[in-house]
Amino acid sequence: MRTALLQSSGRPGSLGETRKVSAESAVRAAAAGAGLVAAPEMFLTGYAIGDDIARLAEPADGDSADAVAEIATRHGVAVVYGYPEREGETVYNSAQLISADGTRLANYRKTHLFGCFERDHFTPGEQPVVQADLNGLRVGLMICYDVEFPENVRAHALAGTDLLVVPTAQMHPFQFVAESVVPVRAFENQMYVAYVNRVGPEGEFEFVGLSTLAGPDGIARTRAGRGEELVLADADPGFLAASREANPYLKDRRPGLYGSLV
């Protein structure tokens, strides 16, 4: 499945303008043959928007979900996007997958919140593995800091995730995560990992870009630079099966030895 990574910070604070960016990227992704386009963490609203997070938060089936579903169906491409999710008085840092026919396939709430900023504005999710089947691949969702915990990604591997999509807001000076950690996660868990980042200054943060899709051989299939761009790469089920046969990490595990981890 050709996967498009939309490296952009959208238009923080403006849902309408960010939806326009989403629609434009969907046009380009579909024209390039993509079956999926993924946008960064908190893409719909902006990340460093303080108390506006609570004001702009919506239910998983809210107006923004309807707008993204309309974009997906109009252009025939599935979409993953990050947004602040409201459930009653609780706000989560979430990512949602909507299929090319507008169906809401999966909704994930970030389980590991990064720093005081996130802990002040969000409640952590409690479900580590959220998946859906899409175009012959099992797609899993995770958000930014979550991928830095090896247990999290291994849980996805054991649950059969083929393509792990990670909307992120990776900031300076942690660019080594995109450059080194993400390809290693893909290799050690024998999956594709799509890591899609924000760019440029926003509030107190400087987002570093470097979005990448890494394969199960640990090699980046595509890597963005530091500006806004749309990059594409293929997640190939055939190559994935061959790689898993040649690198049997999951088969060679000895879970009985790992009790001290928990």
C-alpha atoms as a PDB file:
ATOM      1  CA  MET A   1       0.000   0.000   0.000  1.00  0.00           C
ATOM      2  CA  ARG A   2       1.436   3.322  -1.037  1.00  0.00           C
ATOM      3  CA  THR A   3       1.500   5.547   2.035  1.00  0.00           C
ATOM      4  CA  ALA A   4       1.731   9.331   1.976  1.00  0.00           C
ATOM      5  CA  LEU A   5       3.164  11.241   4.939  1.00  0.00           C
ATOM      6  CA  LEU A   6       1.901  14.805   5.219  1.00  0.00           C
ATOM      7  CA  GLN A   7       4.683  16.668   7.004  1.00  0.00           C
ATOM      8  CA  SER A   8       2.951  19.864   8.060  1.00  0.00           C
ATOM      9  CA  SER A   9       1.834  21.761  11.132  1.00  0.00           C
ATOM     10  CA  GLY A  10      -1.438  22.682   9.448  1.00  0.00           C
ATOM     11  CA  ARG A  11      -2.708  26.080  10.506  1.00  0.00           C
ATOM     12  CA  PRO A  12      -2.726  26.093  14.332  1.00  0.00           C
ATOM     13  CA  GLY A  13      -5.948  27.385  15.829  1.00  0.00           C
ATOM     14  CA  SER A  14      -7.897  27.248  12.554  1.00  0.00           C
ATOM     15  CA  LEU A  15      -9.838  24.056  11.897  1.00  0.00           C
ATOM     16  CA  GLY A  16     -11.117  25.363   8.585  1.00  0.00           C
ATOM     17  CA  GLU A  17      -7.707  26.266   7.168  1.00  0.00           C
ATOM     18  CA  THR A  18      -6.183  22.997   8.337  1.00  0.00           C
ATOM     19  CA  ARG A  19      -8.986  21.057   6.641  1.00  0.00           C
ATOM     20  CA  LYS A  20      -8.023  22.820   3.407  1.00  0.00           C
ATOM     21  CA  VAL A  21      -4.447  21.595   3.855  1.00  0.00           C
ATOM     22  CA  SER A  22      -5.825  18.081   4.421  1.00  0.00           C
ATOM     23  CA  ALA A  23      -7.911  18.213   1.262  1.00  0.00           C
ATOM     24  CA  GLU A  24      -5.015  19.480  -0.849  1.00  0.00           C
ATOM     25  CA  SER A  25      -2.739  16.723   0.439  1.00  0.00           C
ATOM     26  CA  ALA A  26      -5.403  14.097  -0.245  1.00  0.00           C
ATOM     27  CA  VAL A  27      -5.590  15.254  -3.862  1.00  0.00           C
ATOM     28  CA  ARG A  28      -1.825  14.917  -4.282  1.00  0.00           C
ATOM     29  CA  ALA A  29      -1.669  11.596  -2.423  1.00  0.00           C
ATOM     30  CA  ALA A  30      -4.473  10.071  -4.493  1.00  0.00           C
ATOM     31  CA  ALA A  31      -2.874  11.285  -7.714  1.00  0.00           C
ATOM     32  CA  ALA A  32       0.331   9.496  -6.690  1.00  0.00           C
ATOM     33  CA  GLY A  33      -1.564   6.248  -6.098  1.00  0.00           C
ATOM     34  CA  ALA A  34      -1.582   6.333  -2.302  1.00  0.00           C
ATOM     35  CA  GLY A  35      -4.076   4.246  -0.367  1.00  0.00           C
ATOM     36  CA  LEU A  36      -3.384   6.095   2.880  1.00  0.00           C
ATOM     37  CA  VAL A  37      -2.335   9.608   3.832  1.00  0.00           C
ATOM     38  CA  ALA A  38      -1.151  10.227   7.407  1.00  0.00           C
ATOM     39  CA  ALA A  39      -0.955  13.604   9.159  1.00  0.00           C
ATOM     40  CA  PRO A  40       0.907  14.531  12.373  1.00  0.00           C
ATOM     41  CA  GLU A  41      -0.048  14.631  16.040  1.00  0.00           C
ATOM     42  CA  MET A  42      -2.696  17.248  16.904  1.00  0.00           C
ATOM     43  CA  PHE A  43      -2.841  18.158  13.227  1.00  0.00           C
ATOM     44  CA  LEU A  44      -6.402  19.489  13.137  1.00  0.00           C
ATOM     45  CA  THR A  45      -5.978  22.126  15.829  1.00  0.00           C
ATOM     46  CA  GLY A  46      -2.289  22.731  16.355  1.00  0.00           C
ATOM     47  CA  TYR A  47      -0.161  21.392  19.189  1.00  0.00           C
ATOM     48  CA  ALA A  48       1.108  24.384  21.198  1.00  0.00           C
ATOM     49  CA  ILE A  49      -2.231  26.160  21.548  1.00  0.00           C
ATOM     50  CA  GLY A  50      -2.583  26.048  25.342  1.00  0.00           C
ATOM     51  CA  ASP A  51      -6.139  26.229  26.682  1.00  0.00           C
ATOM     52  CA  ASP A  52      -7.521  26.233  23.144  1.00  0.00           C
ATOM     53  CA  ILE A  53      -6.904  22.497  23.233  1.00  0.00           C
ATOM     54  CA  ALA A  54      -9.913  22.035  25.504  1.00  0.00           C
ATOM     55  CA  ARG A  55     -11.981  24.557  23.539  1.00  0.00           C
ATOM     56  CA  LEU A  56     -11.340  22.901  20.177  1.00  0.00           C
ATOM     57  CA  ALA A  57     -11.509  19.282  21.357  1.00  0.00           C
ATOM     58  CA  GLU A  58     -14.259  17.209  19.703  1.00  0.00           C
ATOM     59  CA  PRO A  59     -15.765  13.748  20.057  1.00  0.00           C
ATOM     60  CA  ALA A  60     -14.307  11.027  17.842  1.00  0.00           C
ATOM     61  CA  ASP A  61     -17.474  11.220  15.728  1.00  0.00           C
ATOM     62  CA  GLY A  62     -17.698  15.024  15.741  1.00  0.00           C
ATOM     63  CA  ASP A  63     -17.789  17.602  12.981  1.00  0.00           C
ATOM     64  CA  SER A  64     -14.099  17.283  12.165  1.00  0.00           C
ATOM     65  CA  ALA A  65     -14.399  13.519  11.784  1.00  0.00           C
ATOM     66  CA  ASP A  66     -17.254  14.102   9.351  1.00  0.00           C
ATOM     67  CA  ALA A  67     -15.150  16.637   7.437  1.00  0.00           C
ATOM     68  CA  VAL A  68     -12.189  14.251   7.188  1.00  0.00           C
ATOM     69  CA  ALA A  69     -14.513  11.420   6.109  1.00  0.00           C
ATOM     70  CA  GLU A  70     -15.832  13.658   3.325  1.00  0.00           C
ATOM     71  CA  ILE A  71     -12.251  14.363   2.187  1.00  0.00           C
ATOM     72  CA  ALA A  72     -11.434  10.637   2.260  1.00  0.00           C
ATOM     73  CA  THR A  73     -14.456   9.615   0.201  1.00  0.00           C
ATOM     74  CA  ARG A  74     -14.129  12.477  -2.270  1.00  0.00           C
ATOM     75  CA  HIS A  75     -10.539  11.540  -3.107  1.00  0.00           C
ATOM     76  CA  GLY A  76     -10.656   7.781  -2.492  1.00  0.00           C
ATOM     77  CA  VAL A  77      -7.864   7.639   0.079  1.00  0.00           C
ATOM     78  CA  ALA A  78      -7.821   6.576   3.739  1.00  0.00           C
ATOM     79  CA  VAL A  79      -6.683   9.191   6.271  1.00  0.00           C
ATOM     80  CA  VAL A  80      -4.957   9.089   9.666  1.00  0.00           C
ATOM     81  CA  TYR A  81      -4.946  12.359  11.594  1.00  0.00           C
ATOM     82  CA  GLY A  82      -4.155  13.614  15.079  1.00  0.00           C
ATOM     83  CA  TYR A  83      -6.621  15.704  17.090  1.00  0.00           C
ATOM     84  CA  PRO A  84      -7.746  16.513  20.646  1.00  0.00           C
ATOM     85  CA  GLU A  85     -10.615  14.177  21.507  1.00  0.00           C
ATOM     86  CA  ARG A  86     -13.282  15.136  24.003  1.00  0.00           C
ATOM     87  CA  GLU A  87     -15.314  12.581  25.943  1.00  0.00           C
ATOM     88  CA  GLY A  88     -17.429  14.423  28.486  1.00  0.00           C
ATOM     89  CA  GLU A  89     -15.035  16.553  30.537  1.00  0.00           C
ATOM     90  CA  THR A  90     -12.013  14.435  29.590  1.00  0.00           C
ATOM     91  CA  VAL A  91      -9.643  15.378  26.754  1.00  0.00           C
ATOM     92  CA  TYR A  92      -7.307  12.888  25.078  1.00  0.00           C
ATOM     93  CA  ASN A  93      -4.481  13.313  22.591  1.00  0.00           C
ATOM     94  CA  SER A  94      -5.875  11.046  19.868  1.00  0.00           C
ATOM     95  CA  ALA A  95      -5.364   9.758  16.352  1.00  0.00           C
ATOM     96  CA  GLN A  96      -8.099   8.413  14.111  1.00  0.00           C
ATOM     97  CA  LEU A  97      -8.101   6.257  10.970  1.00  0.00           C
ATOM     98  CA  ILE A  98     -10.888   6.814   8.458  1.00  0.00           C
ATOM     99  CA  SER A  99     -11.197   4.578   5.400  1.00  0.00           C
ATOM    100  CA  ALA A 100     -11.567   5.685   1.792  1.00  0.00           C
ATOM    101  CA  ASP A 101     -15.313   5.076   2.042  1.00  0.00           C
ATOM    102  CA  GLY A 102     -15.602   7.346   5.087  1.00  0.00           C
ATOM    103  CA  THR A 103     -15.831   4.625   7.742  1.00  0.00           C
ATOM    104  CA  ARG A 104     -14.210   5.352  11.095  1.00  0.00           C
ATOM    105  CA  LEU A 105     -11.974   2.286  11.446  1.00  0.00           C
ATOM    106  CA  ALA A 106      -9.901   3.006  14.554  1.00  0.00           C
ATOM    107  CA  ASN A 107      -9.391   5.655  17.214  1.00  0.00           C
ATOM    108  CA  TYR A 108      -6.343   5.671  19.495  1.00  0.00           C
ATOM    109  CA  ARG A 109      -5.638   7.717  22.639  1.00  0.00           C
ATOM    110  CA  LYS A 110      -1.990   8.464  23.421  1.00  0.00           C
ATOM    111  CA  THR A 111      -0.916   6.276  26.328  1.00  0.00           C
ATOM    112  CA  HIS A 112       2.406   7.941  27.241  1.00  0.00           C
ATOM    113  CA  LEU A 113       2.143  11.714  27.658  1.00  0.00           C
ATOM    114  CA  PHE A 114       5.320  13.742  27.161  1.00  0.00           C
ATOM    115  CA  GLY A 115       6.282  16.502  29.557  1.00  0.00           C
ATOM    116  CA  CYS A 116       4.304  18.904  31.691  1.00  0.00           C
ATOM    117  CA  PHE A 117       2.556  20.498  28.712  1.00  0.00           C
ATOM    118  CA  GLU A 118       0.805  17.289  27.718  1.00  0.00           C
ATOM    119  CA  ARG A 119       0.127  16.145  31.265  1.00  0.00           C
ATOM    120  CA  ASP A 120      -1.508  19.512  31.993  1.00  0.00           C
ATOM    121  CA  HIS A 121      -3.906  19.244  29.028  1.00  0.00           C
ATOM    122  CA  PHE A 122      -4.612  15.560  28.427  1.00  0.00           C
ATOM    123  CA  THR A 123      -5.604  12.341  30.135  1.00  0.00           C
ATOM    124  CA  PRO A 124      -3.567   9.310  29.033  1.00  0.00           C
ATOM    125  CA  GLY A 125      -5.300   6.522  27.141  1.00  0.00           C
ATOM    126  CA  GLU A 126      -5.395   2.993  28.512  1.00  0.00           C
ATOM    127  CA  GLN A 127      -5.526   0.831  25.361  1.00  0.00           C
ATOM    128  CA  PRO A 128      -2.007   0.230  23.996  1.00  0.00           C
ATOM    129  CA  VAL A 129      -2.925  -1.655  20.818  1.00  0.00           C
ATOM    130  CA  VAL A 130      -5.493  -0.238  18.412  1.00  0.00           C
ATOM    131  CA  GLN A 131      -5.628  -1.744  14.913  1.00  0.00           C
ATOM    132  CA  ALA A 132      -7.712  -2.010  11.763  1.00  0.00           C
ATOM    133  CA  ASP A 133      -7.383  -3.930   8.505  1.00  0.00           C
ATOM    134  CA  LEU A 134      -6.799  -1.724   5.458  1.00  0.00           C
ATOM    135  CA  ASN A 135      -5.938  -2.722   1.903  1.00  0.00           C
ATOM    136  CA  GLY A 136      -4.419  -6.060   2.887  1.00  0.00           C
ATOM    137  CA  LEU A 137      -2.418  -4.743   5.836  1.00  0.00           C
ATOM    138  CA  ARG A 138      -3.120  -4.625   9.549  1.00  0.00           C
ATOM    139  CA  VAL A 139      -2.607  -0.984  10.454  1.00  0.00           C
ATOM    140  CA  GLY A 140      -1.823   0.021  14.038  1.00  0.00           C
ATOM    141  CA  LEU A 141      -1.928   3.486  15.582  1.00  0.00           C
ATOM    142  CA  MET A 142       0.416   5.103  18.078  1.00  0.00           C
ATOM    143  CA  ILE A 143       1.371   8.724  18.847  1.00  0.00           C
ATOM    144  CA  CYS A 144       4.860  10.245  19.123  1.00  0.00           C
ATOM    145  CA  TYR A 145       6.375   9.470  22.559  1.00  0.00           C
ATOM    146  CA  ASP A 146       4.611   6.081  22.589  1.00  0.00           C
ATOM    147  CA  VAL A 147       7.007   4.702  19.957  1.00  0.00           C
ATOM    148  CA  GLU A 148       9.981   5.409  22.219  1.00  0.00           C
ATOM    149  CA  PHE A 149       8.817   2.648  24.579  1.00  0.00           C
ATOM    150  CA  PRO A 150       9.930  -0.690  23.100  1.00  0.00           C
ATOM    151  CA  GLU A 151       7.226  -2.558  25.016  1.00  0.00           C
ATOM    152  CA  ASN A 152       4.553  -0.565  23.207  1.00  0.00           C
ATOM    153  CA  VAL A 153       5.787  -1.419  19.742  1.00  0.00           C
ATOM    154  CA  ARG A 154       6.446  -5.041  20.665  1.00  0.00           C
ATOM    155  CA  ALA A 155       2.828  -5.334  21.818  1.00  0.00           C
ATOM    156  CA  HIS A 156       1.783  -4.257  18.318  1.00  0.00           C
ATOM    157  CA  ALA A 157       4.141  -6.783  16.741  1.00  0.00           C
ATOM    158  CA  LEU A 158       2.699  -9.603  18.840  1.00  0.00           C
ATOM    159  CA  ALA A 159      -0.813  -8.489  17.849  1.00  0.00           C
ATOM    160  CA  GLY A 160       0.077  -8.725  14.160  1.00  0.00           C
ATOM    161  CA  THR A 161       0.495  -5.073  13.170  1.00  0.00           C
ATOM    162  CA  ASP A 162       2.040  -4.770   9.687  1.00  0.00           C
ATOM    163  CA  LEU A 163       2.129  -0.987   9.349  1.00  0.00           C
ATOM    164  CA  LEU A 164       2.399   1.136  12.490  1.00  0.00           C
ATOM    165  CA  VAL A 165       1.327   4.736  11.809  1.00  0.00           C
ATOM    166  CA  VAL A 166       2.733   7.230  14.309  1.00  0.00           C
ATOM    167  CA  PRO A 167       1.497  10.829  14.100  1.00  0.00           C
ATOM    168  CA  THR A 168       4.075  12.838  16.005  1.00  0.00           C
ATOM    169  CA  ALA A 169       5.125  16.266  17.236  1.00  0.00           C
ATOM    170  CA  GLN A 170       8.844  15.579  17.538  1.00  0.00           C
ATOM    171  CA  MET A 171      10.805  18.629  18.626  1.00  0.00           C
ATOM    172  CA  HIS A 172      14.435  19.729  18.833  1.00  0.00           C
ATOM    173  CA  PRO A 173      16.752  18.280  20.183  1.00  0.00           C
ATOM    174  CA  PHE A 174      15.219  14.824  19.815  1.00  0.00           C
ATOM    175  CA  GLN A 175      15.597  14.363  16.058  1.00  0.00           C
ATOM    176  CA  PHE A 176      17.600  11.168  16.670  1.00  0.00           C
ATOM    177  CA  VAL A 177      14.256   9.456  17.287  1.00  0.00           C
ATOM    178  CA  ALA A 178      13.248   9.942  13.660  1.00  0.00           C
ATOM    179  CA  GLU A 179      16.736   9.264  12.373  1.00  0.00           C
ATOM    180  CA  SER A 180      17.656   6.212  14.477  1.00  0.00           C
ATOM    181  CA  VAL A 181      14.977   4.939  16.867  1.00  0.00           C
ATOM    182  CA  VAL A 182      12.169   4.563  14.320  1.00  0.00           C
ATOM    183  CA  PRO A 183      14.169   2.411  11.841  1.00  0.00           C
ATOM    184  CA  VAL A 184      15.350   0.225  14.745  1.00  0.00           C
ATOM    185  CA  ARG A 185      11.759  -0.207  15.973  1.00  0.00           C
ATOM    186  CA  ALA A 186      10.742  -1.311  12.484  1.00  0.00           C
ATOM    187  CA  PHE A 187      13.593  -3.843  12.295  1.00  0.00           C
ATOM    188  CA  GLU A 188      13.357  -5.333  15.773  1.00  0.00           C
ATOM    189  CA  ASN A 189       9.591  -5.784  15.450  1.00  0.00           C
ATOM    190  CA  GLN A 190       9.506  -6.741  11.754  1.00  0.00           C
ATOM    191  CA  MET A 191       6.950  -4.190  10.606  1.00  0.00           C
ATOM    192  CA  TYR A 192       6.707  -0.958   8.663  1.00  0.00           C
ATOM    193  CA  VAL A 193       6.676   2.202  10.786  1.00  0.00           C
ATOM    194  CA  ALA A 194       5.331   5.463   9.349  1.00  0.00           C
ATOM    195  CA  TYR A 195       6.427   8.377  11.537  1.00  0.00           C
ATOM    196  CA  VAL A 196       4.883  11.684  10.423  1.00  0.00           C
ATOM    197  CA  ASN A 197       5.948  14.920  12.087  1.00  0.00           C
ATOM    198  CA  ARG A 198       5.105  18.599  12.430  1.00  0.00           C
ATOM    199  CA  VAL A 199       7.545  21.279  11.228  1.00  0.00           C
ATOM    200  CA  GLY A 200       8.869  24.650  12.304  1.00  0.00           C
ATOM    201  CA  PRO A 201       8.347  26.849  15.364  1.00  0.00           C
ATOM    202  CA  GLU A 202       5.141  26.684  17.374  1.00  0.00           C
ATOM    203  CA  GLY A 203       4.891  28.262  20.795  1.00  0.00           C
ATOM    204  CA  GLU A 204       7.903  27.179  22.838  1.00  0.00           C
ATOM    205  CA  PHE A 205       8.655  24.247  20.529  1.00  0.00           C
ATOM    206  CA  GLU A 206      10.679  23.782  17.331  1.00  0.00           C
ATOM    207  CA  PHE A 207       9.433  20.755  15.386  1.00  0.00           C
ATOM    208  CA  VAL A 208      12.123  19.012  13.368  1.00  0.00           C
ATOM    209  CA  GLY A 209      10.264  17.306  10.503  1.00  0.00           C
ATOM    210  CA  LEU A 210      12.271  14.291   9.223  1.00  0.00           C
ATOM    211  CA  SER A 211       9.112  12.209   8.717  1.00  0.00           C
ATOM    212  CA  THR A 212       9.972   8.702   7.586  1.00  0.00           C
ATOM    213  CA  LEU A 213       8.559   5.356   6.599  1.00  0.00           C
ATOM    214  CA  ALA A 214      10.970   2.629   7.699  1.00  0.00           C
ATOM    215  CA  GLY A 215      10.779  -0.980   6.542  1.00  0.00           C
ATOM    216  CA  PRO A 216      11.273  -4.252   8.442  1.00  0.00           C
ATOM    217  CA  ASP A 217      14.890  -4.265   7.198  1.00  0.00           C
ATOM    218  CA  GLY A 218      15.525  -1.058   9.166  1.00  0.00           C
ATOM    219  CA  ILE A 219      15.937   1.001   6.013  1.00  0.00           C
ATOM    220  CA  ALA A 220      14.003   4.237   5.470  1.00  0.00           C
ATOM    221  CA  ARG A 221      11.891   4.003   2.323  1.00  0.00           C
ATOM    222  CA  THR A 222      11.406   7.771   2.349  1.00  0.00           C
ATOM    223  CA  ARG A 223      12.510  10.640   4.557  1.00  0.00           C
ATOM    224  CA  ALA A 224      11.336  14.224   4.529  1.00  0.00           C
ATOM    225  CA  GLY A 225      13.499  17.253   5.238  1.00  0.00           C
ATOM    226  CA  ARG A 226      12.752  20.101   7.641  1.00  0.00           C
ATOM    227  CA  GLY A 227       9.981  21.890   5.709  1.00  0.00           C
ATOM    228  CA  GLU A 228       6.389  21.205   4.727  1.00  0.00           C
ATOM    229  CA  GLU A 229       6.162  18.401   2.190  1.00  0.00           C
ATOM    230  CA  LEU A 230       4.328  15.246   1.188  1.00  0.00           C
ATOM    231  CA  VAL A 231       6.516  12.150   0.890  1.00  0.00           C
ATOM    232  CA  LEU A 232       5.437   8.694  -0.248  1.00  0.00           C
ATOM    233  CA  ALA A 233       6.640   5.114   0.085  1.00  0.00           C
ATOM    234  CA  ASP A 234       5.200   1.614  -0.269  1.00  0.00           C
ATOM    235  CA  ALA A 235       4.434  -0.873   2.494  1.00  0.00           C
ATOM    236  CA  ASP A 236       4.784  -4.216   0.694  1.00  0.00           C
ATOM    237  CA  PRO A 237       3.114  -7.273   2.289  1.00  0.00           C
ATOM    238  CA  GLY A 238       5.264  -9.645   0.222  1.00  0.00           C
ATOM    239  CA  PHE A 239       8.523  -8.085   1.360  1.00  0.00           C
ATOM    240  CA  LEU A 240       7.231  -8.016   4.931  1.00  0.00           C
ATOM    241  CA  ALA A 241       6.469 -11.765   4.875  1.00  0.00           C
ATOM    242  CA  ALA A 242       9.923 -12.568   3.478  1.00  0.00           C
ATOM    243  CA  SER A 243      11.610 -10.345   6.028  1.00  0.00           C
ATOM    244  CA  ARG A 244       9.753 -11.979   8.897  1.00  0.00           C
ATOM    245  CA  GLU A 245      10.832 -15.400   7.653  1.00  0.00           C
ATOM    246  CA  ALA A 246      14.449 -14.310   7.477  1.00  0.00           C
ATOM    247  CA  ASN A 247      14.414 -12.456  10.822  1.00  0.00           C
ATOM    248  CA  PRO A 248      12.424 -14.590  13.282  1.00  0.00           C
ATOM    249  CA  TYR A 249      12.662 -12.331  16.316  1.00  0.00           C
ATOM    250  CA  LEU A 250       9.095 -12.962  17.366  1.00  0.00           C
ATOM    251  CA  LYS A 251       9.434 -16.746  16.997  1.00  0.00           C
ATOM    252  CA  ASP A 252      12.705 -16.806  18.935  1.00  0.00           C
ATOM    253  CA  ARG A 253      11.427 -14.878  21.937  1.00  0.00           C
ATOM    254  CA  ARG A 254      11.539 -16.556  25.384  1.00  0.00           C
ATOM    255  CA  PRO A 255       8.722 -14.826  27.297  1.00  0.00           C
ATOM    256  CA  GLY A 256       9.374 -16.882  30.421  1.00  0.00           C
ATOM    257  CA  LEU A 257      12.590 -14.923  30.919  1.00  0.00           C
ATOM    258  CA  TYR A 258      10.965 -11.507  30.760  1.00  0.00           C
ATOM    259  CA  GLY A 259       8.812 -11.497  33.880  1.00  0.00           C
ATOM    260  CA  SER A 260      10.951  -8.811  35.533  1.00  0.00           C
ATOM    261  CA  LEU A 261       9.932  -6.340  32.832  1.00  0.00           C
ATOM    262  CA  VAL A 262       6.487  -5.997  34.386  1.00  0.00           C
END
